[in-house]
């Protein structure tokens, strides 16, 4: 089944951190400042596979990586987190908040 059949769980900036056990933690927040997530409102723990869709721009740093735009973040199957570009245009509220920081 295609991931298009799953509803996204969250919209926001995604921050990905590698964990000591080899998994990833994916946080969803309203902005990223200096590589640090601001106002995290969702976290996906124990991610064993991260799927980043076409059109998603990632910025990599010492503390992990994060998206450079608002994205859709969801888990279609256990341990798998998908990050994809917004399907229906941008999110003006989150984009405006990110520009102010």
PDB file of N, CA and C in Angstrom:
ATOM      1  N   UNK A   1       0.838  -1.178   0.000  1.00  0.00           N
ATOM      2  CA  UNK A   1       0.000   0.000   0.000  1.00  0.00           C
ATOM      3  C   UNK A   1       0.883   1.240   0.000  1.00  0.00           C
ATOM      4  N   UNK A   2       0.571   2.197  -0.781  1.00  0.00           N
ATOM      5  CA  UNK A   2       1.332   3.435  -0.883  1.00  0.00           C
ATOM      6  C   UNK A   2       1.155   4.284   0.361  1.00  0.00           C
ATOM      7  N   UNK A   3       2.206   5.054   0.719  1.00  0.00           N
ATOM      8  CA  UNK A   3       2.106   5.942   1.877  1.00  0.00           C
ATOM      9  C   UNK A   3       1.092   7.047   1.647  1.00  0.00           C
ATOM     10  N   UNK A   4       0.648   7.246   0.411  1.00  0.00           N
ATOM     11  CA  UNK A   4      -0.352   8.273   0.126  1.00  0.00           C
ATOM     12  C   UNK A   4      -1.693   7.945   0.772  1.00  0.00           C
ATOM     13  N   UNK A   5      -1.888   6.715   1.206  1.00  0.00           N
ATOM     14  CA  UNK A   5      -3.138   6.319   1.837  1.00  0.00           C
ATOM     15  C   UNK A   5      -3.163   6.637   3.324  1.00  0.00           C
ATOM     16  N   UNK A   6      -2.066   7.109   3.882  1.00  0.00           N
ATOM     17  CA  UNK A   6      -1.989   7.428   5.294  1.00  0.00           C
ATOM     18  C   UNK A   6      -2.079   8.931   5.487  1.00  0.00           C
ATOM     19  N   UNK A   7      -2.829   9.332   6.472  1.00  0.00           N
ATOM     20  CA  UNK A   7      -2.929  10.752   6.786  1.00  0.00           C
ATOM     21  C   UNK A   7      -1.696  11.178   7.570  1.00  0.00           C
ATOM     22  N   UNK A   8      -1.164  12.339   7.279  1.00  0.00           N
ATOM     23  CA  UNK A   8      -0.012  12.815   8.047  1.00  0.00           C
ATOM     24  C   UNK A   8      -0.427  13.078   9.493  1.00  0.00           C
ATOM     25  N   UNK A   9       0.471  12.789  10.412  1.00  0.00           N
ATOM     26  CA  UNK A   9       0.141  13.021  11.811  1.00  0.00           C
ATOM     27  C   UNK A   9       0.393  14.464  12.203  1.00  0.00           C
ATOM     28  N   UNK A  10       1.395  15.083  11.623  1.00  0.00           N
ATOM     29  CA  UNK A  10       1.759  16.442  12.021  1.00  0.00           C
ATOM     30  C   UNK A  10       2.321  17.227  10.855  1.00  0.00           C
ATOM     31  N   UNK A  11       2.172  18.532  10.946  1.00  0.00           N
ATOM     32  CA  UNK A  11       2.819  19.463  10.022  1.00  0.00           C
ATOM     33  C   UNK A  11       3.752  20.322  10.855  1.00  0.00           C
ATOM     34  N   UNK A  12       4.963  20.532  10.383  1.00  0.00           N
ATOM     35  CA  UNK A  12       5.926  21.376  11.090  1.00  0.00           C
ATOM     36  C   UNK A  12       7.309  21.124  10.556  1.00  0.00           C
ATOM     37  N   UNK A  13       8.281  21.671  11.240  1.00  0.00           N
ATOM     38  CA  UNK A  13       9.677  21.403  10.913  1.00  0.00           C
ATOM     39  C   UNK A  13      10.057  20.102  11.598  1.00  0.00           C
ATOM     40  N   UNK A  14      10.796  19.237  10.928  1.00  0.00           N
ATOM     41  CA  UNK A  14      11.226  17.966  11.507  1.00  0.00           C
ATOM     42  C   UNK A  14      12.695  18.058  11.890  1.00  0.00           C
ATOM     43  N   UNK A  15      13.009  17.616  13.099  1.00  0.00           N
ATOM     44  CA  UNK A  15      14.383  17.567  13.596  1.00  0.00           C
ATOM     45  C   UNK A  15      14.697  16.102  13.878  1.00  0.00           C
ATOM     46  N   UNK A  16      15.799  15.616  13.309  1.00  0.00           N
ATOM     47  CA  UNK A  16      16.168  14.206  13.426  1.00  0.00           C
ATOM     48  C   UNK A  16      17.469  14.095  14.212  1.00  0.00           C
ATOM     49  N   UNK A  17      17.445  13.280  15.266  1.00  0.00           N
ATOM     50  CA  UNK A  17      18.643  13.046  16.069  1.00  0.00           C
ATOM     51  C   UNK A  17      18.931  11.555  16.119  1.00  0.00           C
ATOM     52  N   UNK A  18      20.215  11.191  15.966  1.00  0.00           N
ATOM     53  CA  UNK A  18      20.641   9.798  16.096  1.00  0.00           C
ATOM     54  C   UNK A  18      20.752   9.464  17.575  1.00  0.00           C
ATOM     55  N   UNK A  19      20.223   8.316  17.954  1.00  0.00           N
ATOM     56  CA  UNK A  19      20.255   7.875  19.345  1.00  0.00           C
ATOM     57  C   UNK A  19      21.349   6.826  19.529  1.00  0.00           C
ATOM     58  N   UNK A  20      21.760   6.630  20.776  1.00  0.00           N
ATOM     59  CA  UNK A  20      22.843   5.691  21.089  1.00  0.00           C
ATOM     60  C   UNK A  20      22.521   4.251  20.697  1.00  0.00           C
ATOM     61  N   UNK A  21      21.231   3.887  20.671  1.00  0.00           N
ATOM     62  CA  UNK A  21      20.861   2.508  20.355  1.00  0.00           C
ATOM     63  C   UNK A  21      20.746   2.249  18.847  1.00  0.00           C
ATOM     64  N   UNK A  22      21.137   3.235  18.025  1.00  0.00           N
ATOM     65  CA  UNK A  22      21.097   3.071  16.572  1.00  0.00           C
ATOM     66  C   UNK A  22      19.796   3.524  15.932  1.00  0.00           C
ATOM     67  N   UNK A  23      18.813   3.890  16.731  1.00  0.00           N
ATOM     68  CA  UNK A  23      17.560   4.405  16.185  1.00  0.00           C
ATOM     69  C   UNK A  23      17.638   5.930  16.055  1.00  0.00           C
ATOM     70  N   UNK A  24      16.585   6.510  15.538  1.00  0.00           N
ATOM     71  CA  UNK A  24      16.502   7.958  15.418  1.00  0.00           C
ATOM     72  C   UNK A  24      15.302   8.463  16.200  1.00  0.00           C
ATOM     73  N   UNK A  25      15.410   9.699  16.671  1.00  0.00           N
ATOM     74  CA  UNK A  25      14.284  10.395  17.287  1.00  0.00           C
ATOM     75  C   UNK A  25      13.912  11.511  16.323  1.00  0.00           C
ATOM     76  N   UNK A  26      12.633  11.580  15.944  1.00  0.00           N
ATOM     77  CA  UNK A  26      12.158  12.604  15.016  1.00  0.00           C
ATOM     78  C   UNK A  26      11.189  13.503  15.772  1.00  0.00           C
ATOM     79  N   UNK A  27      11.574  14.769  15.918  1.00  0.00           N
ATOM     80  CA  UNK A  27      10.743  15.738  16.620  1.00  0.00           C
ATOM     81  C   UNK A  27      10.079  16.659  15.604  1.00  0.00           C
ATOM     82  N   UNK A  28       8.852  17.046  15.892  1.00  0.00           N
ATOM     83  CA  UNK A  28       8.124  17.988  15.050  1.00  0.00           C
ATOM     84  C   UNK A  28       7.920  19.245  15.883  1.00  0.00           C
ATOM     85  N   UNK A  29       8.285  20.399  15.311  1.00  0.00           N
ATOM     86  CA  UNK A  29       8.246  21.638  16.067  1.00  0.00           C
ATOM     87  C   UNK A  29       7.806  22.800  15.172  1.00  0.00           C
ATOM     88  N   UNK A  30       7.633  23.976  15.787  1.00  0.00           N
ATOM     89  CA  UNK A  30       7.164  25.100  14.978  1.00  0.00           C
ATOM     90  C   UNK A  30       8.292  25.904  14.344  1.00  0.00           C
ATOM     91  N   UNK A  31       9.550  25.680  14.767  1.00  0.00           N
ATOM     92  CA  UNK A  31      10.690  26.330  14.117  1.00  0.00           C
ATOM     93  C   UNK A  31      11.982  25.693  14.619  1.00  0.00           C
ATOM     94  N   UNK A  32      13.084  26.034  13.953  1.00  0.00           N
ATOM     95  CA  UNK A  32      14.405  25.556  14.341  1.00  0.00           C
ATOM     96  C   UNK A  32      15.326  26.766  14.408  1.00  0.00           C
ATOM     97  N   UNK A  33      15.999  26.935  15.546  1.00  0.00           N
ATOM     98  CA  UNK A  33      16.919  28.052  15.738  1.00  0.00           C
ATOM     99  C   UNK A  33      18.289  27.491  16.098  1.00  0.00           C
ATOM    100  N   UNK A  34      19.278  27.780  15.283  1.00  0.00           N
ATOM    101  CA  UNK A  34      20.627  27.273  15.537  1.00  0.00           C
ATOM    102  C   UNK A  34      20.688  25.761  15.599  1.00  0.00           C
ATOM    103  N   UNK A  35      19.844  25.103  14.823  1.00  0.00           N
ATOM    104  CA  UNK A  35      19.809  23.651  14.798  1.00  0.00           C
ATOM    105  C   UNK A  35      18.992  23.031  15.914  1.00  0.00           C
ATOM    106  N   UNK A  36      18.455  23.849  16.826  1.00  0.00           N
ATOM    107  CA  UNK A  36      17.680  23.352  17.960  1.00  0.00           C
ATOM    108  C   UNK A  36      16.182  23.527  17.718  1.00  0.00           C
ATOM    109  N   UNK A  37      15.386  22.484  17.990  1.00  0.00           N
ATOM    110  CA  UNK A  37      13.936  22.596  17.803  1.00  0.00           C
ATOM    111  C   UNK A  37      13.319  23.552  18.814  1.00  0.00           C
ATOM    112  N   UNK A  38      12.331  24.308  18.369  1.00  0.00           N
ATOM    113  CA  UNK A  38      11.608  25.237  19.229  1.00  0.00           C
ATOM    114  C   UNK A  38      10.150  24.796  19.301  1.00  0.00           C
ATOM    115  N   UNK A  39       9.604  24.735  20.498  1.00  0.00           N
ATOM    116  CA  UNK A  39       8.205  24.380  20.706  1.00  0.00           C
ATOM    117  C   UNK A  39       7.836  23.038  20.069  1.00  0.00           C
ATOM    118  N   UNK A  40       8.500  21.989  20.524  1.00  0.00           N
ATOM    119  CA  UNK A  40       8.236  20.626  20.037  1.00  0.00           C
ATOM    120  C   UNK A  40       6.834  20.202  20.475  1.00  0.00           C
ATOM    121  N   UNK A  41       6.042  19.686  19.542  1.00  0.00           N
ATOM    122  CA  UNK A  41       4.700  19.228  19.887  1.00  0.00           C
ATOM    123  C   UNK A  41       4.440  17.783  19.500  1.00  0.00           C
ATOM    124  N   UNK A  42       5.405  17.111  18.907  1.00  0.00           N
ATOM    125  CA  UNK A  42       5.268  15.678  18.617  1.00  0.00           C
ATOM    126  C   UNK A  42       6.660  15.067  18.514  1.00  0.00           C
ATOM    127  N   UNK A  43       6.786  13.826  18.980  1.00  0.00           N
ATOM    128  CA  UNK A  43       8.064  13.106  18.892  1.00  0.00           C
ATOM    129  C   UNK A  43       7.787  11.668  18.473  1.00  0.00           C
ATOM    130  N   UNK A  44       8.559  11.197  17.518  1.00  0.00           N
ATOM    131  CA  UNK A  44       8.533   9.790  17.109  1.00  0.00           C
ATOM    132  C   UNK A  44       9.821   9.162  17.642  1.00  0.00           C
ATOM    133  N   UNK A  45       9.693   8.211  18.568  1.00  0.00           N
ATOM    134  CA  UNK A  45      10.837   7.521  19.147  1.00  0.00           C
ATOM    135  C   UNK A  45      11.086   6.205  18.414  1.00  0.00           C
ATOM    136  N   UNK A  46      12.302   5.681  18.568  1.00  0.00           N
ATOM    137  CA  UNK A  46      12.668   4.345  18.070  1.00  0.00           C
ATOM    138  C   UNK A  46      12.452   4.186  16.567  1.00  0.00           C
ATOM    139  N   UNK A  47      12.768   5.221  15.825  1.00  0.00           N
ATOM    140  CA  UNK A  47      12.664   5.176  14.368  1.00  0.00           C
ATOM    141  C   UNK A  47      13.834   4.359  13.827  1.00  0.00           C
ATOM    142  N   UNK A  48      13.515   3.250  13.155  1.00  0.00           N
ATOM    143  CA  UNK A  48      14.559   2.398  12.583  1.00  0.00           C
ATOM    144  C   UNK A  48      14.788   2.701  11.106  1.00  0.00           C
ATOM    145  N   UNK A  49      13.826   3.375  10.473  1.00  0.00           N
ATOM    146  CA  UNK A  49      13.956   3.766   9.070  1.00  0.00           C
ATOM    147  C   UNK A  49      13.302   5.134   8.880  1.00  0.00           C
ATOM    148  N   UNK A  50      14.035   6.027   8.255  1.00  0.00           N
ATOM    149  CA  UNK A  50      13.529   7.365   7.967  1.00  0.00           C
ATOM    150  C   UNK A  50      13.436   7.515   6.460  1.00  0.00           C
ATOM    151  N   UNK A  51      12.249   7.838   5.979  1.00  0.00           N
ATOM    152  CA  UNK A  51      12.038   8.041   4.543  1.00  0.00           C
ATOM    153  C   UNK A  51      11.794   9.523   4.305  1.00  0.00           C
ATOM    154  N   UNK A  52      12.710  10.141   3.572  1.00  0.00           N
ATOM    155  CA  UNK A  52      12.602  11.564   3.257  1.00  0.00           C
ATOM    156  C   UNK A  52      12.187  11.687   1.805  1.00  0.00           C
ATOM    157  N   UNK A  53      11.040  12.299   1.583  1.00  0.00           N
ATOM    158  CA  UNK A  53      10.479  12.396   0.246  1.00  0.00           C
ATOM    159  C   UNK A  53      11.168  13.427  -0.633  1.00  0.00           C
ATOM    160  N   UNK A  54      10.907  13.367  -1.929  1.00  0.00           N
ATOM    161  CA  UNK A  54      11.472  14.332  -2.858  1.00  0.00           C
ATOM    162  C   UNK A  54      10.970  15.742  -2.536  1.00  0.00           C
ATOM    163  N   UNK A  55      11.833  16.703  -2.718  1.00  0.00           N
ATOM    164  CA  UNK A  55      11.465  18.087  -2.462  1.00  0.00           C
ATOM    165  C   UNK A  55      11.688  18.538  -1.033  1.00  0.00           C
ATOM    166  N   UNK A  56      12.058  17.614  -0.131  1.00  0.00           N
ATOM    167  CA  UNK A  56      12.335  17.985   1.259  1.00  0.00           C
ATOM    168  C   UNK A  56      13.806  18.364   1.367  1.00  0.00           C
ATOM    169  N   UNK A  57      14.047  19.584   1.792  1.00  0.00           N
ATOM    170  CA  UNK A  57      15.425  20.075   1.963  1.00  0.00           C
ATOM    171  C   UNK A  57      15.845  19.880   3.415  1.00  0.00           C
ATOM    172  N   UNK A  58      16.962  19.169   3.601  1.00  0.00           N
ATOM    173  CA  UNK A  58      17.475  18.900   4.950  1.00  0.00           C
ATOM    174  C   UNK A  58      18.763  19.685   5.155  1.00  0.00           C
ATOM    175  N   UNK A  59      18.942  20.181   6.367  1.00  0.00           N
ATOM    176  CA  UNK A  59      20.180  20.853   6.761  1.00  0.00           C
ATOM    177  C   UNK A  59      20.819  19.990   7.837  1.00  0.00           C
ATOM    178  N   UNK A  60      22.094  19.682   7.674  1.00  0.00           N
ATOM    179  CA  UNK A  60      22.783  18.771   8.583  1.00  0.00           C
ATOM    180  C   UNK A  60      23.750  19.543   9.464  1.00  0.00           C
ATOM    181  N   UNK A  61      23.788  19.189  10.756  1.00  0.00           N
ATOM    182  CA  UNK A  61      24.685  19.828  11.707  1.00  0.00           C
ATOM    183  C   UNK A  61      25.201  18.812  12.710  1.00  0.00           C
ATOM    184  N   UNK A  62      25.982  19.285  13.661  1.00  0.00           N
ATOM    185  CA  UNK A  62      26.595  18.404  14.654  1.00  0.00           C
ATOM    186  C   UNK A  62      25.554  17.723  15.539  1.00  0.00           C
ATOM    187  N   UNK A  63      24.438  18.390  15.817  1.00  0.00           N
ATOM    188  CA  UNK A  63      23.419  17.837  16.712  1.00  0.00           C
ATOM    189  C   UNK A  63      22.391  16.984  15.984  1.00  0.00           C
ATOM    190  N   UNK A  64      22.481  16.896  14.674  1.00  0.00           N
ATOM    191  CA  UNK A  64      21.510  16.128  13.895  1.00  0.00           C
ATOM    192  C   UNK A  64      21.161  16.863  12.616  1.00  0.00           C
ATOM    193  N   UNK A  65      19.974  16.632  12.113  1.00  0.00           N
ATOM    194  CA  UNK A  65      19.549  17.312  10.896  1.00  0.00           C
ATOM    195  C   UNK A  65      18.121  17.791  11.067  1.00  0.00           C
ATOM    196  N   UNK A  66      17.746  18.749  10.241  1.00  0.00           N
ATOM    197  CA  UNK A  66      16.376  19.263  10.297  1.00  0.00           C
ATOM    198  C   UNK A  66      15.946  19.738   8.918  1.00  0.00           C
ATOM    199  N   UNK A  67      14.636  19.780   8.747  1.00  0.00           N
ATOM    200  CA  UNK A  67      14.103  20.249   7.479  1.00  0.00           C
ATOM    201  C   UNK A  67      14.214  21.769   7.415  1.00  0.00           C
ATOM    202  N   UNK A  68      14.320  22.270   6.218  1.00  0.00           N
ATOM    203  CA  UNK A  68      14.417  23.712   6.022  1.00  0.00           C
ATOM    204  C   UNK A  68      13.063  24.328   5.704  1.00  0.00           C
ATOM    205  N   UNK A  69      12.035  23.488   5.667  1.00  0.00           N
ATOM    206  CA  UNK A  69      10.682  23.970   5.410  1.00  0.00           C
ATOM    207  C   UNK A  69       9.699  23.136   6.220  1.00  0.00           C
ATOM    208  N   UNK A  70       8.476  23.611   6.315  1.00  0.00           N
ATOM    209  CA  UNK A  70       7.413  22.866   6.980  1.00  0.00           C
ATOM    210  C   UNK A  70       7.105  21.633   6.135  1.00  0.00           C
ATOM    211  N   UNK A  71       6.977  20.497   6.808  1.00  0.00           N
ATOM    212  CA  UNK A  71       6.751  19.218   6.130  1.00  0.00           C
ATOM    213  C   UNK A  71       5.618  18.453   6.812  1.00  0.00           C
ATOM    214  N   UNK A  72       5.227  17.355   6.203  1.00  0.00           N
ATOM    215  CA  UNK A  72       4.296  16.400   6.805  1.00  0.00           C
ATOM    216  C   UNK A  72       5.132  15.273   7.405  1.00  0.00           C
ATOM    217  N   UNK A  73       4.837  14.896   8.645  1.00  0.00           N
ATOM    218  CA  UNK A  73       5.572  13.837   9.327  1.00  0.00           C
ATOM    219  C   UNK A  73       4.551  12.807   9.816  1.00  0.00           C
ATOM    220  N   UNK A  74       4.779  11.553   9.457  1.00  0.00           N
ATOM    221  CA  UNK A  74       3.857  10.503   9.881  1.00  0.00           C
ATOM    222  C   UNK A  74       4.561   9.162   9.912  1.00  0.00           C
ATOM    223  N   UNK A  75       3.930   8.217  10.580  1.00  0.00           N
ATOM    224  CA  UNK A  75       4.457   6.862  10.663  1.00  0.00           C
ATOM    225  C   UNK A  75       3.465   5.925   9.995  1.00  0.00           C
ATOM    226  N   UNK A  76       3.856   5.372   8.868  1.00  0.00           N
ATOM    227  CA  UNK A  76       2.978   4.482   8.109  1.00  0.00           C
ATOM    228  C   UNK A  76       3.055   3.044   8.612  1.00  0.00           C
ATOM    229  N   UNK A  77       4.158   2.701   9.248  1.00  0.00           N
ATOM    230  CA  UNK A  77       4.326   1.361   9.800  1.00  0.00           C
ATOM    231  C   UNK A  77       5.283   1.443  10.975  1.00  0.00           C
ATOM    232  N   UNK A  78       5.256   0.443  11.821  1.00  0.00           N
ATOM    233  CA  UNK A  78       6.059   0.441  13.051  1.00  0.00           C
ATOM    234  C   UNK A  78       7.540   0.681  12.761  1.00  0.00           C
ATOM    235  N   UNK A  79       8.112   1.690  13.417  1.00  0.00           N
ATOM    236  CA  UNK A  79       9.531   1.982  13.289  1.00  0.00           C
ATOM    237  C   UNK A  79       9.905   2.828  12.089  1.00  0.00           C
ATOM    238  N   UNK A  80       8.973   3.076  11.195  1.00  0.00           N
ATOM    239  CA  UNK A  80       9.255   3.837   9.975  1.00  0.00           C
ATOM    240  C   UNK A  80       8.578   5.204  10.059  1.00  0.00           C
ATOM    241  N   UNK A  81       9.370   6.262   9.927  1.00  0.00           N
ATOM    242  CA  UNK A  81       8.833   7.618   9.926  1.00  0.00           C
ATOM    243  C   UNK A  81       9.062   8.210   8.544  1.00  0.00           C
ATOM    244  N   UNK A  82       8.021   8.807   8.015  1.00  0.00           N
ATOM    245  CA  UNK A  82       8.111   9.429   6.697  1.00  0.00           C
ATOM    246  C   UNK A  82       8.012  10.944   6.831  1.00  0.00           C
ATOM    247  N   UNK A  83       8.870  11.618   6.088  1.00  0.00           N
ATOM    248  CA  UNK A  83       8.889  13.080   6.038  1.00  0.00           C
ATOM    249  C   UNK A  83       8.713  13.455   4.577  1.00  0.00           C
ATOM    250  N   UNK A  84       7.671  14.225   4.296  1.00  0.00           N
ATOM    251  CA  UNK A  84       7.462  14.599   2.895  1.00  0.00           C
ATOM    252  C   UNK A  84       7.026  16.054   2.788  1.00  0.00           C
ATOM    253  N   UNK A  85       7.241  16.595   1.609  1.00  0.00           N
ATOM    254  CA  UNK A  85       6.834  17.973   1.336  1.00  0.00           C
ATOM    255  C   UNK A  85       5.327  18.077   1.466  1.00  0.00           C
ATOM    256  N   UNK A  86       4.855  19.242   1.854  1.00  0.00           N
ATOM    257  CA  UNK A  86       3.414  19.451   1.985  1.00  0.00           C
ATOM    258  C   UNK A  86       2.732  19.186   0.654  1.00  0.00           C
ATOM    259  N   UNK A  87       1.626  18.466   0.719  1.00  0.00           N
ATOM    260  CA  UNK A  87       0.902  18.095  -0.489  1.00  0.00           C
ATOM    261  C   UNK A  87      -0.030  19.192  -0.986  1.00  0.00           C
ATOM    262  N   UNK A  88      -0.469  20.063  -0.091  1.00  0.00           N
ATOM    263  CA  UNK A  88      -1.462  21.067  -0.469  1.00  0.00           C
ATOM    264  C   UNK A  88      -0.971  22.483  -0.186  1.00  0.00           C
ATOM    265  N   UNK A  89       0.244  22.797  -0.601  1.00  0.00           N
ATOM    266  CA  UNK A  89       0.767  24.137  -0.376  1.00  0.00           C
ATOM    267  C   UNK A  89       1.404  24.262   0.991  1.00  0.00           C
ATOM    268  N   UNK A  90       1.822  25.460   1.327  1.00  0.00           N
ATOM    269  CA  UNK A  90       2.521  25.708   2.580  1.00  0.00           C
ATOM    270  C   UNK A  90       1.599  25.908   3.757  1.00  0.00           C
ATOM    271  N   UNK A  91       2.199  26.063   4.901  1.00  0.00           N
ATOM    272  CA  UNK A  91       1.474  26.370   6.124  1.00  0.00           C
ATOM    273  C   UNK A  91       1.869  27.782   6.517  1.00  0.00           C
ATOM    274  N   UNK A  92       1.060  28.796   6.171  1.00  0.00           N
ATOM    275  CA  UNK A  92       1.467  30.180   6.369  1.00  0.00           C
ATOM    276  C   UNK A  92       1.716  30.560   7.823  1.00  0.00           C
ATOM    277  N   UNK A  93       1.015  29.954   8.766  1.00  0.00           N
ATOM    278  CA  UNK A  93       1.215  30.287  10.179  1.00  0.00           C
ATOM    279  C   UNK A  93       2.602  29.844  10.637  1.00  0.00           C
ATOM    280  N   UNK A  94       2.968  28.576  10.369  1.00  0.00           N
ATOM    281  CA  UNK A  94       4.284  28.093  10.780  1.00  0.00           C
ATOM    282  C   UNK A  94       5.403  28.770  10.006  1.00  0.00           C
ATOM    283  N   UNK A  95       5.215  29.011   8.721  1.00  0.00           N
ATOM    284  CA  UNK A  95       6.250  29.678   7.932  1.00  0.00           C
ATOM    285  C   UNK A  95       6.490  31.098   8.442  1.00  0.00           C
ATOM    286  N   UNK A  96       5.431  31.825   8.800  1.00  0.00           N
ATOM    287  CA  UNK A  96       5.586  33.188   9.326  1.00  0.00           C
ATOM    288  C   UNK A  96       6.316  33.158  10.670  1.00  0.00           C
ATOM    289  N   UNK A  97       5.987  32.185  11.516  1.00  0.00           N
ATOM    290  CA  UNK A  97       6.663  32.056  12.810  1.00  0.00           C
ATOM    291  C   UNK A  97       8.155  31.783  12.621  1.00  0.00           C
ATOM    292  N   UNK A  98       8.492  30.928  11.681  1.00  0.00           N
ATOM    293  CA  UNK A  98       9.893  30.593  11.424  1.00  0.00           C
ATOM    294  C   UNK A  98      10.661  31.815  10.911  1.00  0.00           C
ATOM    295  N   UNK A  99      10.035  32.636  10.086  1.00  0.00           N
ATOM    296  CA  UNK A  99      10.719  33.830   9.566  1.00  0.00           C
ATOM    297  C   UNK A  99      11.002  34.844  10.658  1.00  0.00           C
ATOM    298  N   UNK A 100      10.181  34.878  11.721  1.00  0.00           N
ATOM    299  CA  UNK A 100      10.392  35.840  12.811  1.00  0.00           C
ATOM    300  C   UNK A 100      11.566  35.443  13.695  1.00  0.00           C
ATOM    301  N   UNK A 101      11.988  34.204  13.674  1.00  0.00           N
ATOM    302  CA  UNK A 101      13.065  33.739  14.582  1.00  0.00           C
ATOM    303  C   UNK A 101      14.428  33.925  13.982  1.00  0.00           C
TER     304      UNK A 101
END
